[in-house]
N, C-alpha and C. Protein backbone atom coordinates (compact mmCIF):
# COMPACT_ATOMS: atom_id res chain seq x y z
N UNK A 1 -63.94 18.69 36.33
CA UNK A 1 -63.10 19.82 36.67
C UNK A 1 -62.06 20.03 35.59
N UNK A 2 -61.79 21.29 35.21
CA UNK A 2 -60.76 21.60 34.23
C UNK A 2 -59.41 21.69 34.90
N UNK A 3 -58.58 20.68 34.71
CA UNK A 3 -57.25 20.68 35.33
C UNK A 3 -56.32 21.64 34.60
N UNK A 4 -55.42 22.24 35.36
CA UNK A 4 -54.44 23.17 34.80
C UNK A 4 -53.06 22.51 34.77
N UNK A 5 -52.43 22.59 33.63
CA UNK A 5 -51.11 21.99 33.43
C UNK A 5 -50.14 23.08 33.00
N UNK A 6 -48.96 23.11 33.61
CA UNK A 6 -47.90 24.04 33.22
C UNK A 6 -46.78 23.24 32.57
N UNK A 7 -46.43 23.61 31.35
CA UNK A 7 -45.35 22.96 30.61
C UNK A 7 -44.15 23.90 30.57
N UNK A 8 -43.01 23.45 31.12
CA UNK A 8 -41.80 24.28 31.16
C UNK A 8 -40.74 23.59 30.31
N UNK A 9 -40.36 24.22 29.20
CA UNK A 9 -39.39 23.63 28.28
C UNK A 9 -38.81 24.75 27.42
N UNK A 10 -37.51 24.65 27.11
CA UNK A 10 -36.88 25.71 26.32
C UNK A 10 -36.97 25.45 24.82
N UNK A 11 -37.62 24.38 24.41
CA UNK A 11 -37.78 24.09 22.99
C UNK A 11 -39.19 24.50 22.55
N UNK A 12 -39.25 25.53 21.69
CA UNK A 12 -40.53 26.11 21.29
C UNK A 12 -41.42 25.10 20.58
N UNK A 13 -40.83 24.21 19.79
CA UNK A 13 -41.66 23.24 19.06
C UNK A 13 -42.31 22.24 19.99
N UNK A 14 -41.61 21.88 21.08
CA UNK A 14 -42.20 20.96 22.07
C UNK A 14 -43.34 21.66 22.82
N UNK A 15 -43.13 22.93 23.19
CA UNK A 15 -44.19 23.68 23.86
C UNK A 15 -45.45 23.71 23.00
N UNK A 16 -45.29 24.01 21.73
CA UNK A 16 -46.43 24.12 20.82
C UNK A 16 -47.10 22.77 20.61
N UNK A 17 -46.31 21.73 20.40
CA UNK A 17 -46.84 20.39 20.11
C UNK A 17 -47.60 19.82 21.31
N UNK A 18 -46.98 19.86 22.48
CA UNK A 18 -47.61 19.28 23.68
C UNK A 18 -48.83 20.11 24.10
N UNK A 19 -48.69 21.43 24.06
CA UNK A 19 -49.81 22.30 24.43
C UNK A 19 -51.03 22.01 23.55
N UNK A 20 -50.81 21.92 22.26
CA UNK A 20 -51.91 21.67 21.32
C UNK A 20 -52.64 20.37 21.65
N UNK A 21 -51.88 19.31 21.87
CA UNK A 21 -52.48 18.00 22.13
C UNK A 21 -53.18 17.93 23.47
N UNK A 22 -52.60 18.54 24.51
CA UNK A 22 -53.24 18.49 25.82
C UNK A 22 -54.50 19.37 25.85
N UNK A 23 -54.47 20.48 25.15
CA UNK A 23 -55.67 21.32 25.09
C UNK A 23 -56.80 20.59 24.36
N UNK A 24 -56.46 19.76 23.39
CA UNK A 24 -57.48 18.94 22.72
C UNK A 24 -58.16 17.99 23.69
N UNK A 25 -57.44 17.60 24.74
CA UNK A 25 -58.02 16.71 25.77
C UNK A 25 -58.80 17.48 26.82
N UNK A 26 -58.87 18.81 26.68
CA UNK A 26 -59.69 19.60 27.59
C UNK A 26 -58.94 20.23 28.75
N UNK A 27 -57.60 20.12 28.77
CA UNK A 27 -56.83 20.72 29.85
C UNK A 27 -56.55 22.19 29.56
N UNK A 28 -56.42 22.96 30.62
CA UNK A 28 -55.97 24.35 30.52
C UNK A 28 -54.45 24.34 30.61
N UNK A 29 -53.77 24.69 29.53
CA UNK A 29 -52.32 24.53 29.46
C UNK A 29 -51.62 25.89 29.42
N UNK A 30 -50.64 26.06 30.31
CA UNK A 30 -49.80 27.26 30.34
C UNK A 30 -48.37 26.83 30.03
N UNK A 31 -47.57 27.74 29.49
CA UNK A 31 -46.21 27.39 29.11
C UNK A 31 -45.20 28.41 29.63
N UNK A 32 -43.95 27.95 29.74
CA UNK A 32 -42.82 28.81 30.10
C UNK A 32 -41.57 28.20 29.47
N UNK A 33 -40.59 29.05 29.15
CA UNK A 33 -39.43 28.58 28.41
C UNK A 33 -38.18 28.38 29.26
N UNK A 34 -38.26 28.65 30.56
CA UNK A 34 -37.14 28.35 31.46
C UNK A 34 -37.67 28.24 32.88
N UNK A 35 -36.82 27.77 33.79
CA UNK A 35 -37.26 27.50 35.15
C UNK A 35 -37.71 28.73 35.90
N UNK A 36 -37.00 29.84 35.73
CA UNK A 36 -37.35 31.07 36.44
C UNK A 36 -38.73 31.57 36.02
N UNK A 37 -38.93 31.62 34.71
CA UNK A 37 -40.25 32.03 34.20
C UNK A 37 -41.32 31.04 34.65
N UNK A 38 -40.97 29.75 34.65
CA UNK A 38 -41.92 28.73 35.05
C UNK A 38 -42.41 28.90 36.47
N UNK A 39 -41.50 29.24 37.38
CA UNK A 39 -41.90 29.47 38.77
C UNK A 39 -42.85 30.64 38.88
N UNK A 40 -42.57 31.70 38.13
CA UNK A 40 -43.43 32.88 38.17
C UNK A 40 -44.83 32.54 37.65
N UNK A 41 -44.89 31.80 36.56
CA UNK A 41 -46.19 31.41 36.01
C UNK A 41 -46.92 30.48 36.98
N UNK A 42 -46.18 29.54 37.58
CA UNK A 42 -46.79 28.58 38.51
C UNK A 42 -47.43 29.28 39.70
N UNK A 43 -46.74 30.28 40.25
CA UNK A 43 -47.28 31.00 41.40
C UNK A 43 -48.54 31.78 41.03
N UNK A 44 -48.64 32.16 39.76
CA UNK A 44 -49.81 32.91 39.31
C UNK A 44 -51.00 32.00 39.01
N UNK A 45 -50.76 30.93 38.25
CA UNK A 45 -51.88 30.09 37.79
C UNK A 45 -52.18 28.91 38.71
N UNK A 46 -51.20 28.55 39.57
CA UNK A 46 -51.36 27.43 40.51
C UNK A 46 -51.84 26.17 39.79
N UNK A 47 -50.97 25.58 38.98
CA UNK A 47 -51.36 24.40 38.20
C UNK A 47 -51.52 23.16 39.06
N UNK A 48 -52.25 22.18 38.55
CA UNK A 48 -52.36 20.89 39.22
C UNK A 48 -51.16 20.00 38.90
N UNK A 49 -50.58 20.22 37.72
CA UNK A 49 -49.47 19.39 37.25
C UNK A 49 -48.47 20.25 36.49
N UNK A 50 -47.18 20.00 36.75
CA UNK A 50 -46.11 20.68 36.01
C UNK A 50 -45.31 19.64 35.25
N UNK A 51 -45.22 19.82 33.93
CA UNK A 51 -44.37 18.99 33.08
C UNK A 51 -43.08 19.78 32.88
N UNK A 52 -41.96 19.23 33.32
CA UNK A 52 -40.74 20.01 33.49
C UNK A 52 -39.57 19.40 32.74
N UNK A 53 -38.98 20.18 31.83
CA UNK A 53 -37.79 19.73 31.11
C UNK A 53 -36.60 19.69 32.07
N UNK A 54 -35.68 18.77 31.85
CA UNK A 54 -34.52 18.63 32.73
C UNK A 54 -33.44 19.66 32.41
N UNK A 55 -33.11 19.82 31.10
CA UNK A 55 -32.01 20.69 30.68
C UNK A 55 -32.56 22.00 30.14
N UNK A 56 -32.36 23.09 30.90
CA UNK A 56 -32.86 24.40 30.49
C UNK A 56 -31.87 25.49 30.91
N UNK A 57 -31.91 26.65 30.24
CA UNK A 57 -31.07 27.77 30.67
C UNK A 57 -31.65 28.45 31.91
N UNK A 58 -30.87 29.32 32.51
CA UNK A 58 -31.23 30.14 33.68
C UNK A 58 -31.44 29.28 34.93
N UNK A 59 -32.45 28.43 34.94
CA UNK A 59 -32.66 27.46 36.02
C UNK A 59 -32.97 26.12 35.37
N UNK A 60 -32.15 25.11 35.66
CA UNK A 60 -32.44 23.81 35.07
C UNK A 60 -33.59 23.12 35.81
N UNK A 61 -33.97 21.95 35.33
CA UNK A 61 -35.13 21.26 35.90
C UNK A 61 -34.96 20.88 37.35
N UNK A 62 -33.75 20.45 37.72
CA UNK A 62 -33.51 20.05 39.11
C UNK A 62 -33.68 21.24 40.05
N UNK A 63 -33.07 22.37 39.70
CA UNK A 63 -33.20 23.57 40.52
C UNK A 63 -34.65 24.01 40.62
N UNK A 64 -35.34 23.95 39.51
CA UNK A 64 -36.74 24.38 39.48
C UNK A 64 -37.61 23.47 40.34
N UNK A 65 -37.39 22.17 40.25
CA UNK A 65 -38.18 21.22 41.03
C UNK A 65 -37.95 21.43 42.52
N UNK A 66 -36.70 21.65 42.91
CA UNK A 66 -36.40 21.91 44.32
C UNK A 66 -37.09 23.18 44.80
N UNK A 67 -37.10 24.21 43.96
CA UNK A 67 -37.76 25.47 44.33
C UNK A 67 -39.27 25.27 44.48
N UNK A 68 -39.84 24.44 43.62
CA UNK A 68 -41.27 24.13 43.72
C UNK A 68 -41.57 23.45 45.05
N UNK A 69 -40.75 22.49 45.43
CA UNK A 69 -40.99 21.76 46.68
C UNK A 69 -40.75 22.62 47.92
N UNK A 70 -39.95 23.69 47.78
CA UNK A 70 -39.69 24.58 48.91
C UNK A 70 -40.75 25.68 49.02
N UNK A 71 -41.61 25.79 48.02
CA UNK A 71 -42.63 26.83 48.01
C UNK A 71 -43.87 26.37 48.77
N UNK A 72 -44.32 27.20 49.70
CA UNK A 72 -45.53 26.86 50.46
C UNK A 72 -46.74 26.75 49.55
N UNK A 73 -46.76 27.53 48.48
CA UNK A 73 -47.89 27.54 47.56
C UNK A 73 -47.87 26.36 46.61
N UNK A 74 -46.66 25.92 46.19
CA UNK A 74 -46.55 24.93 45.12
C UNK A 74 -46.10 23.55 45.58
N UNK A 75 -45.76 23.40 46.85
CA UNK A 75 -45.09 22.17 47.30
C UNK A 75 -45.88 20.89 47.03
N UNK A 76 -47.21 20.99 46.90
CA UNK A 76 -48.01 19.79 46.68
C UNK A 76 -48.40 19.57 45.22
N UNK A 77 -47.91 20.44 44.32
CA UNK A 77 -48.20 20.28 42.90
C UNK A 77 -47.46 19.04 42.37
N UNK A 78 -48.12 18.28 41.49
CA UNK A 78 -47.48 17.13 40.88
C UNK A 78 -46.46 17.60 39.84
N UNK A 79 -45.27 16.98 39.85
CA UNK A 79 -44.20 17.36 38.93
C UNK A 79 -43.73 16.12 38.16
N UNK A 80 -43.71 16.23 36.83
CA UNK A 80 -43.22 15.14 35.99
C UNK A 80 -42.10 15.68 35.11
N UNK A 81 -40.95 15.03 35.16
CA UNK A 81 -39.83 15.43 34.31
C UNK A 81 -40.00 14.88 32.90
N UNK A 82 -39.66 15.71 31.92
CA UNK A 82 -39.53 15.30 30.53
C UNK A 82 -38.07 15.50 30.16
N UNK A 83 -37.37 14.43 29.80
CA UNK A 83 -35.94 14.58 29.55
C UNK A 83 -35.43 13.62 28.50
N UNK A 84 -34.48 14.14 27.69
CA UNK A 84 -33.82 13.31 26.70
C UNK A 84 -32.73 12.46 27.33
N UNK A 85 -32.38 12.77 28.58
CA UNK A 85 -31.36 12.01 29.30
C UNK A 85 -32.07 10.94 30.12
N UNK A 86 -31.95 9.70 29.71
CA UNK A 86 -32.73 8.65 30.35
C UNK A 86 -31.94 7.74 31.26
N UNK A 87 -30.72 8.15 31.64
CA UNK A 87 -29.90 7.30 32.50
C UNK A 87 -30.53 7.15 33.88
N UNK A 88 -30.21 6.05 34.53
CA UNK A 88 -30.75 5.79 35.87
C UNK A 88 -30.31 6.87 36.84
N UNK A 89 -29.06 7.32 36.72
CA UNK A 89 -28.56 8.35 37.63
C UNK A 89 -29.35 9.66 37.49
N UNK A 90 -29.64 10.03 36.24
CA UNK A 90 -30.39 11.27 36.00
C UNK A 90 -31.81 11.15 36.53
N UNK A 91 -32.43 9.99 36.32
CA UNK A 91 -33.78 9.80 36.85
C UNK A 91 -33.79 9.87 38.36
N UNK A 92 -32.79 9.28 39.01
CA UNK A 92 -32.71 9.34 40.47
C UNK A 92 -32.55 10.78 40.95
N UNK A 93 -31.78 11.58 40.22
CA UNK A 93 -31.65 13.00 40.57
C UNK A 93 -33.00 13.69 40.53
N UNK A 94 -33.79 13.35 39.50
CA UNK A 94 -35.11 13.94 39.39
C UNK A 94 -36.02 13.56 40.53
N UNK A 95 -36.04 12.27 40.86
CA UNK A 95 -36.88 11.82 41.98
C UNK A 95 -36.40 12.41 43.31
N UNK A 96 -35.09 12.49 43.49
CA UNK A 96 -34.55 13.06 44.73
C UNK A 96 -34.86 14.55 44.87
N UNK A 97 -35.04 15.22 43.73
CA UNK A 97 -35.40 16.65 43.76
C UNK A 97 -36.88 16.84 44.11
N UNK A 98 -37.66 15.75 44.04
CA UNK A 98 -39.07 15.84 44.42
C UNK A 98 -40.05 15.54 43.31
N UNK A 99 -39.56 15.01 42.16
CA UNK A 99 -40.47 14.71 41.05
C UNK A 99 -41.36 13.52 41.38
N UNK A 100 -42.55 13.49 40.78
CA UNK A 100 -43.49 12.39 40.97
C UNK A 100 -43.37 11.33 39.87
N UNK A 101 -42.83 11.73 38.72
CA UNK A 101 -42.70 10.78 37.61
C UNK A 101 -41.65 11.30 36.64
N UNK A 102 -41.28 10.46 35.68
CA UNK A 102 -40.20 10.79 34.74
C UNK A 102 -40.55 10.17 33.39
N UNK A 103 -40.58 11.00 32.35
CA UNK A 103 -40.90 10.52 31.01
C UNK A 103 -39.76 10.88 30.07
N UNK A 104 -39.31 9.90 29.31
CA UNK A 104 -38.19 10.12 28.40
C UNK A 104 -38.63 10.80 27.10
N UNK A 105 -37.75 11.66 26.59
CA UNK A 105 -37.90 12.20 25.24
C UNK A 105 -37.17 11.26 24.27
N UNK A 106 -37.52 11.24 22.99
CA UNK A 106 -38.59 12.04 22.36
C UNK A 106 -39.97 11.63 22.87
N UNK A 107 -40.85 12.62 22.96
CA UNK A 107 -42.16 12.40 23.56
C UNK A 107 -43.06 11.62 22.62
N UNK A 108 -43.61 10.54 23.12
CA UNK A 108 -44.67 9.81 22.42
C UNK A 108 -45.98 10.29 23.02
N UNK A 109 -46.75 11.03 22.21
CA UNK A 109 -47.89 11.75 22.75
C UNK A 109 -48.93 10.84 23.38
N UNK A 110 -49.14 9.66 22.82
CA UNK A 110 -50.15 8.76 23.39
C UNK A 110 -49.73 8.30 24.78
N UNK A 111 -48.42 8.10 24.98
CA UNK A 111 -47.92 7.70 26.31
C UNK A 111 -48.03 8.87 27.28
N UNK A 112 -47.63 10.07 26.82
CA UNK A 112 -47.71 11.25 27.69
C UNK A 112 -49.15 11.51 28.12
N UNK A 113 -50.07 11.45 27.20
CA UNK A 113 -51.48 11.69 27.54
C UNK A 113 -51.98 10.67 28.54
N UNK A 114 -51.58 9.41 28.37
CA UNK A 114 -52.00 8.36 29.29
C UNK A 114 -51.43 8.59 30.69
N UNK A 115 -50.13 8.98 30.75
CA UNK A 115 -49.50 9.21 32.06
C UNK A 115 -50.10 10.43 32.75
N UNK A 116 -50.37 11.47 31.96
CA UNK A 116 -50.98 12.68 32.53
C UNK A 116 -52.34 12.35 33.12
N UNK A 117 -53.13 11.60 32.38
CA UNK A 117 -54.47 11.22 32.87
C UNK A 117 -54.38 10.41 34.16
N UNK A 118 -53.42 9.48 34.22
CA UNK A 118 -53.27 8.65 35.41
C UNK A 118 -52.84 9.48 36.61
N UNK A 119 -51.93 10.42 36.39
CA UNK A 119 -51.43 11.26 37.49
C UNK A 119 -52.53 12.16 38.03
N UNK A 120 -53.30 12.77 37.13
CA UNK A 120 -54.35 13.69 37.57
C UNK A 120 -55.45 12.98 38.33
N UNK A 121 -55.62 11.69 38.09
CA UNK A 121 -56.62 10.94 38.86
C UNK A 121 -56.23 10.83 40.33
N UNK A 122 -54.93 11.00 40.62
CA UNK A 122 -54.45 10.90 42.00
C UNK A 122 -54.56 12.21 42.76
N UNK A 123 -54.99 13.25 42.05
CA UNK A 123 -55.02 14.58 42.66
C UNK A 123 -56.40 14.86 43.23
N UNK A 124 -56.42 15.39 44.45
CA UNK A 124 -57.64 15.97 45.00
C UNK A 124 -57.65 17.43 44.61
N UNK A 125 -58.55 17.83 43.71
CA UNK A 125 -58.52 19.20 43.21
C UNK A 125 -58.59 20.23 44.34
N UNK A 126 -57.83 21.29 44.17
CA UNK A 126 -57.83 22.38 45.15
C UNK A 126 -59.01 23.29 44.89
N UNK A 127 -59.68 23.67 45.94
CA UNK A 127 -60.78 24.61 45.82
C UNK A 127 -60.22 25.99 45.55
N UNK A 128 -60.40 26.48 44.31
CA UNK A 128 -59.83 27.77 43.95
C UNK A 128 -60.53 28.93 44.63
N UNK A 129 -61.70 28.68 45.23
CA UNK A 129 -62.39 29.74 45.95
C UNK A 129 -61.93 29.84 47.40
N UNK A 130 -61.11 28.87 47.82
CA UNK A 130 -60.62 28.92 49.20
C UNK A 130 -59.66 30.08 49.38
N UNK A 131 -59.71 30.70 50.53
CA UNK A 131 -58.86 31.85 50.80
C UNK A 131 -57.47 31.38 51.26
N UNK A 132 -56.44 32.11 50.85
CA UNK A 132 -55.09 31.83 51.34
C UNK A 132 -54.98 32.39 52.75
N UNK A 133 -54.66 31.55 53.75
CA UNK A 133 -54.57 32.04 55.13
C UNK A 133 -53.51 33.14 55.27
N UNK A 134 -53.78 34.08 56.15
CA UNK A 134 -52.82 35.15 56.43
C UNK A 134 -52.10 34.86 57.74
N UNK A 135 -50.79 35.10 57.76
CA UNK A 135 -50.00 34.99 58.98
C UNK A 135 -49.58 36.39 59.41
N UNK A 136 -49.78 36.71 60.68
CA UNK A 136 -49.52 38.05 61.20
C UNK A 136 -48.19 38.08 61.94
N UNK A 137 -47.29 38.97 61.51
CA UNK A 137 -46.00 39.17 62.17
C UNK A 137 -46.06 40.51 62.91
N UNK A 138 -46.38 40.44 64.21
CA UNK A 138 -46.62 41.65 65.00
C UNK A 138 -45.35 42.49 65.13
N UNK A 139 -44.21 41.85 65.27
CA UNK A 139 -42.95 42.57 65.50
C UNK A 139 -42.56 43.45 64.32
N UNK A 140 -42.83 42.97 63.10
CA UNK A 140 -42.37 43.69 61.90
C UNK A 140 -43.50 44.34 61.12
N UNK A 141 -44.73 44.33 61.65
CA UNK A 141 -45.89 44.90 60.96
C UNK A 141 -46.02 44.31 59.56
N UNK A 142 -45.87 43.00 59.48
CA UNK A 142 -45.93 42.32 58.20
C UNK A 142 -47.02 41.25 58.20
N UNK A 143 -47.53 40.97 57.01
CA UNK A 143 -48.51 39.91 56.80
C UNK A 143 -47.94 38.97 55.75
N UNK A 144 -48.00 37.67 56.01
CA UNK A 144 -47.55 36.69 55.04
C UNK A 144 -48.76 36.01 54.43
N UNK A 145 -48.86 36.08 53.11
CA UNK A 145 -49.96 35.46 52.38
C UNK A 145 -49.35 34.48 51.39
N UNK A 146 -49.33 33.19 51.76
CA UNK A 146 -48.62 32.21 50.94
C UNK A 146 -47.13 32.54 50.97
N UNK A 147 -46.54 32.74 49.78
CA UNK A 147 -45.13 33.10 49.68
C UNK A 147 -44.92 34.61 49.70
N UNK A 148 -45.99 35.36 49.69
CA UNK A 148 -45.89 36.82 49.60
C UNK A 148 -45.82 37.45 50.99
N UNK A 149 -44.87 38.37 51.18
CA UNK A 149 -44.74 39.12 52.43
C UNK A 149 -45.17 40.55 52.18
N UNK A 150 -46.15 41.04 52.96
CA UNK A 150 -46.72 42.37 52.77
C UNK A 150 -46.44 43.20 54.02
N UNK A 151 -45.75 44.32 53.85
CA UNK A 151 -45.48 45.24 54.97
C UNK A 151 -46.55 46.32 54.97
N UNK A 152 -47.16 46.55 56.15
CA UNK A 152 -48.27 47.50 56.26
C UNK A 152 -47.92 48.68 57.15
N UNK A 153 -48.50 49.86 56.87
CA UNK A 153 -48.41 50.98 57.81
C UNK A 153 -49.06 50.59 59.14
N UNK A 154 -48.69 51.27 60.20
CA UNK A 154 -49.10 50.84 61.54
C UNK A 154 -50.61 50.76 61.72
N UNK A 155 -51.35 51.77 61.26
CA UNK A 155 -52.80 51.76 61.48
C UNK A 155 -53.49 50.66 60.66
N UNK A 156 -53.04 50.46 59.43
CA UNK A 156 -53.61 49.38 58.62
C UNK A 156 -53.32 48.03 59.28
N UNK A 157 -52.10 47.89 59.80
CA UNK A 157 -51.74 46.64 60.46
C UNK A 157 -52.60 46.43 61.71
N UNK A 158 -52.77 47.47 62.50
CA UNK A 158 -53.55 47.36 63.73
C UNK A 158 -55.01 47.01 63.43
N UNK A 159 -55.54 47.58 62.35
CA UNK A 159 -56.91 47.29 61.95
C UNK A 159 -57.04 45.83 61.53
N UNK A 160 -56.12 45.37 60.70
CA UNK A 160 -56.15 43.98 60.27
C UNK A 160 -55.95 43.03 61.45
N UNK A 161 -55.02 43.37 62.33
CA UNK A 161 -54.75 42.52 63.50
C UNK A 161 -56.00 42.37 64.37
N UNK A 162 -56.73 43.46 64.54
CA UNK A 162 -57.96 43.41 65.33
C UNK A 162 -58.98 42.48 64.69
N UNK A 163 -59.25 42.66 63.41
CA UNK A 163 -60.24 41.82 62.73
C UNK A 163 -59.80 40.36 62.69
N UNK A 164 -58.50 40.16 62.46
CA UNK A 164 -57.94 38.81 62.34
C UNK A 164 -57.94 38.08 63.67
N UNK A 165 -57.97 38.82 64.78
CA UNK A 165 -57.87 38.20 66.11
C UNK A 165 -59.08 37.33 66.44
N UNK A 166 -60.23 37.63 65.83
CA UNK A 166 -61.44 36.84 66.08
C UNK A 166 -62.19 36.64 64.76
N UNK A 167 -61.75 35.69 63.94
CA UNK A 167 -62.40 35.46 62.65
C UNK A 167 -63.90 35.19 62.82
N UNK A 168 -64.69 35.82 61.97
CA UNK A 168 -66.13 35.62 62.00
C UNK A 168 -66.86 36.59 62.91
N UNK A 169 -66.13 37.27 63.80
CA UNK A 169 -66.79 38.22 64.71
C UNK A 169 -67.01 39.54 64.00
N UNK A 170 -68.20 40.11 64.18
CA UNK A 170 -68.50 41.42 63.62
C UNK A 170 -68.01 42.51 64.58
N UNK A 171 -67.12 43.34 64.09
CA UNK A 171 -66.65 44.49 64.87
C UNK A 171 -67.39 45.72 64.38
N UNK A 172 -68.06 46.41 65.29
CA UNK A 172 -68.78 47.62 64.90
C UNK A 172 -67.78 48.73 64.60
N UNK A 173 -68.24 49.71 63.87
CA UNK A 173 -67.37 50.84 63.53
C UNK A 173 -66.90 51.55 64.80
N UNK A 174 -67.79 51.69 65.77
CA UNK A 174 -67.42 52.35 67.03
C UNK A 174 -66.32 51.58 67.76
N UNK A 175 -66.44 50.25 67.79
CA UNK A 175 -65.44 49.43 68.46
C UNK A 175 -64.09 49.53 67.75
N UNK A 176 -64.13 49.55 66.42
CA UNK A 176 -62.88 49.67 65.66
C UNK A 176 -62.22 51.02 65.94
N UNK A 177 -63.00 52.11 65.91
CA UNK A 177 -62.45 53.43 66.21
C UNK A 177 -61.74 53.43 67.55
N UNK A 178 -62.42 52.89 68.57
CA UNK A 178 -61.89 52.93 69.93
C UNK A 178 -60.63 52.10 70.06
N UNK A 179 -60.62 50.90 69.49
CA UNK A 179 -59.51 49.96 69.71
C UNK A 179 -58.32 50.22 68.80
N UNK A 180 -58.54 50.87 67.67
CA UNK A 180 -57.43 51.14 66.76
C UNK A 180 -56.93 52.57 66.89
N UNK A 181 -57.84 53.55 66.97
CA UNK A 181 -57.43 54.94 67.03
C UNK A 181 -57.45 55.50 68.45
N UNK A 182 -58.23 54.88 69.33
CA UNK A 182 -58.32 55.37 70.70
C UNK A 182 -59.49 56.31 70.87
N UNK A 183 -60.07 56.31 72.05
CA UNK A 183 -61.28 57.09 72.30
C UNK A 183 -61.05 58.59 72.28
N UNK A 184 -59.80 59.01 72.47
CA UNK A 184 -59.52 60.45 72.54
C UNK A 184 -59.14 61.05 71.18
N UNK A 185 -59.01 60.20 70.18
CA UNK A 185 -58.60 60.68 68.86
C UNK A 185 -59.85 60.88 68.00
N UNK A 186 -59.95 62.04 67.37
CA UNK A 186 -61.08 62.34 66.50
C UNK A 186 -60.66 62.10 65.06
N UNK A 187 -61.39 61.21 64.39
CA UNK A 187 -61.08 60.91 62.99
C UNK A 187 -62.35 61.07 62.18
N UNK A 188 -62.18 61.24 60.87
CA UNK A 188 -63.31 61.42 59.98
C UNK A 188 -64.14 60.15 59.83
N UNK A 189 -65.37 60.33 59.37
CA UNK A 189 -66.29 59.20 59.22
C UNK A 189 -65.79 58.16 58.21
N UNK A 190 -65.02 58.61 57.22
CA UNK A 190 -64.58 57.70 56.17
C UNK A 190 -63.21 57.08 56.45
N UNK A 191 -62.62 57.37 57.60
CA UNK A 191 -61.27 56.89 57.90
C UNK A 191 -61.17 55.37 57.84
N UNK A 192 -62.11 54.69 58.50
CA UNK A 192 -62.09 53.22 58.49
C UNK A 192 -62.25 52.70 57.07
N UNK A 193 -63.17 53.28 56.32
CA UNK A 193 -63.43 52.82 54.96
C UNK A 193 -62.19 52.93 54.08
N UNK A 194 -61.46 54.04 54.24
CA UNK A 194 -60.24 54.25 53.46
C UNK A 194 -59.20 53.19 53.82
N UNK A 195 -59.04 52.93 55.12
CA UNK A 195 -58.06 51.93 55.55
C UNK A 195 -58.46 50.52 55.11
N UNK A 196 -59.75 50.21 55.14
CA UNK A 196 -60.22 48.91 54.68
C UNK A 196 -59.95 48.76 53.18
N UNK A 197 -60.22 49.82 52.42
CA UNK A 197 -59.98 49.76 50.98
C UNK A 197 -58.50 49.50 50.67
N UNK A 198 -57.62 50.18 51.40
CA UNK A 198 -56.18 49.99 51.18
C UNK A 198 -55.74 48.57 51.58
N UNK A 199 -56.32 48.05 52.66
CA UNK A 199 -56.00 46.68 53.07
C UNK A 199 -56.43 45.68 52.01
N UNK A 200 -57.61 45.85 51.47
CA UNK A 200 -58.11 44.92 50.45
C UNK A 200 -57.24 44.95 49.19
N UNK A 201 -56.72 46.13 48.87
CA UNK A 201 -55.83 46.23 47.71
C UNK A 201 -54.56 45.42 47.92
N UNK A 202 -54.14 45.28 49.17
CA UNK A 202 -52.87 44.62 49.47
C UNK A 202 -53.02 43.13 49.80
N UNK A 203 -54.10 42.76 50.49
CA UNK A 203 -54.23 41.36 50.93
C UNK A 203 -55.29 40.59 50.15
N UNK A 204 -56.03 41.30 49.28
CA UNK A 204 -57.09 40.64 48.52
C UNK A 204 -58.47 41.07 49.00
N UNK A 205 -59.44 40.87 48.13
CA UNK A 205 -60.80 41.36 48.39
C UNK A 205 -61.62 40.43 49.28
N UNK A 206 -61.16 39.18 49.46
CA UNK A 206 -62.06 38.17 50.00
C UNK A 206 -61.91 37.90 51.50
N UNK A 207 -61.04 38.64 52.19
CA UNK A 207 -60.83 38.35 53.62
C UNK A 207 -61.70 39.22 54.53
N UNK A 208 -61.87 40.47 54.18
CA UNK A 208 -62.61 41.40 55.03
C UNK A 208 -64.00 41.63 54.45
N UNK A 209 -65.00 41.34 55.27
CA UNK A 209 -66.39 41.43 54.83
C UNK A 209 -67.05 42.66 55.45
N UNK A 210 -67.76 43.42 54.61
CA UNK A 210 -68.48 44.60 55.06
C UNK A 210 -69.91 44.23 55.44
N UNK A 211 -70.31 44.61 56.64
CA UNK A 211 -71.71 44.51 57.04
C UNK A 211 -72.26 45.92 56.99
N UNK A 212 -72.98 46.23 55.95
CA UNK A 212 -73.37 47.60 55.64
C UNK A 212 -74.07 48.28 56.81
N UNK A 213 -73.56 49.46 57.15
CA UNK A 213 -74.16 50.26 58.21
C UNK A 213 -73.78 49.84 59.61
N UNK A 214 -73.02 48.74 59.75
CA UNK A 214 -72.69 48.22 61.07
C UNK A 214 -71.19 48.18 61.30
N UNK A 215 -70.45 47.41 60.46
CA UNK A 215 -69.02 47.29 60.67
C UNK A 215 -68.39 46.28 59.75
N UNK A 216 -67.36 45.61 60.25
CA UNK A 216 -66.59 44.69 59.41
C UNK A 216 -66.24 43.42 60.19
N UNK A 217 -65.98 42.35 59.44
CA UNK A 217 -65.49 41.12 60.06
C UNK A 217 -64.48 40.45 59.13
N UNK A 218 -63.64 39.61 59.73
CA UNK A 218 -62.62 38.88 58.98
C UNK A 218 -63.07 37.45 58.80
N UNK A 219 -62.98 36.94 57.57
CA UNK A 219 -63.31 35.54 57.30
C UNK A 219 -62.04 34.79 56.96
N UNK A 220 -61.75 33.74 57.71
CA UNK A 220 -60.52 32.95 57.50
C UNK A 220 -60.71 32.04 56.31
């Protein structure tokens, strides 16, 4: 499996040096130059391991690590601090923020590579094809997908709520019309298709399955 590593550090030469060496070992390496950017990249690429500098602008390493642990999407990612400050107090701050390991700078690449390899052996790789579960907030017509909150128009929400209520069940087009729009409302033949297309644009393509000529079902 190709493991993904995110390196967050404000020193460009360290980013280039570490990225080059880890990519030589076959890892997919992403970089960011501060904690805020690092969180954004992490939420996008979902790395297996984050190598995190302690002293950075905008968001320092401690703040960033705490934010990672508070994120539903990232809370189980392995985090290793890289820091020129090697005092016991600083290391304890890192561990208390949720770090899994701590490596002192200046970086000795053979040691870093060895520690990275050992840490990744402890990881059960995440199935990237697995779907992110959706949480339905009926009161606010909202859907939560990981850390993302999506507000839907009423009909789109009602359609999703119906399909989501019984995962795996095939709902015919006639049943959807009746339960979402009502038997007395006349709508065009493409109305459901348009609403399904808009839902997929917002929640992703992989949750709602089309059974051609029959209807739709939700896969959890």
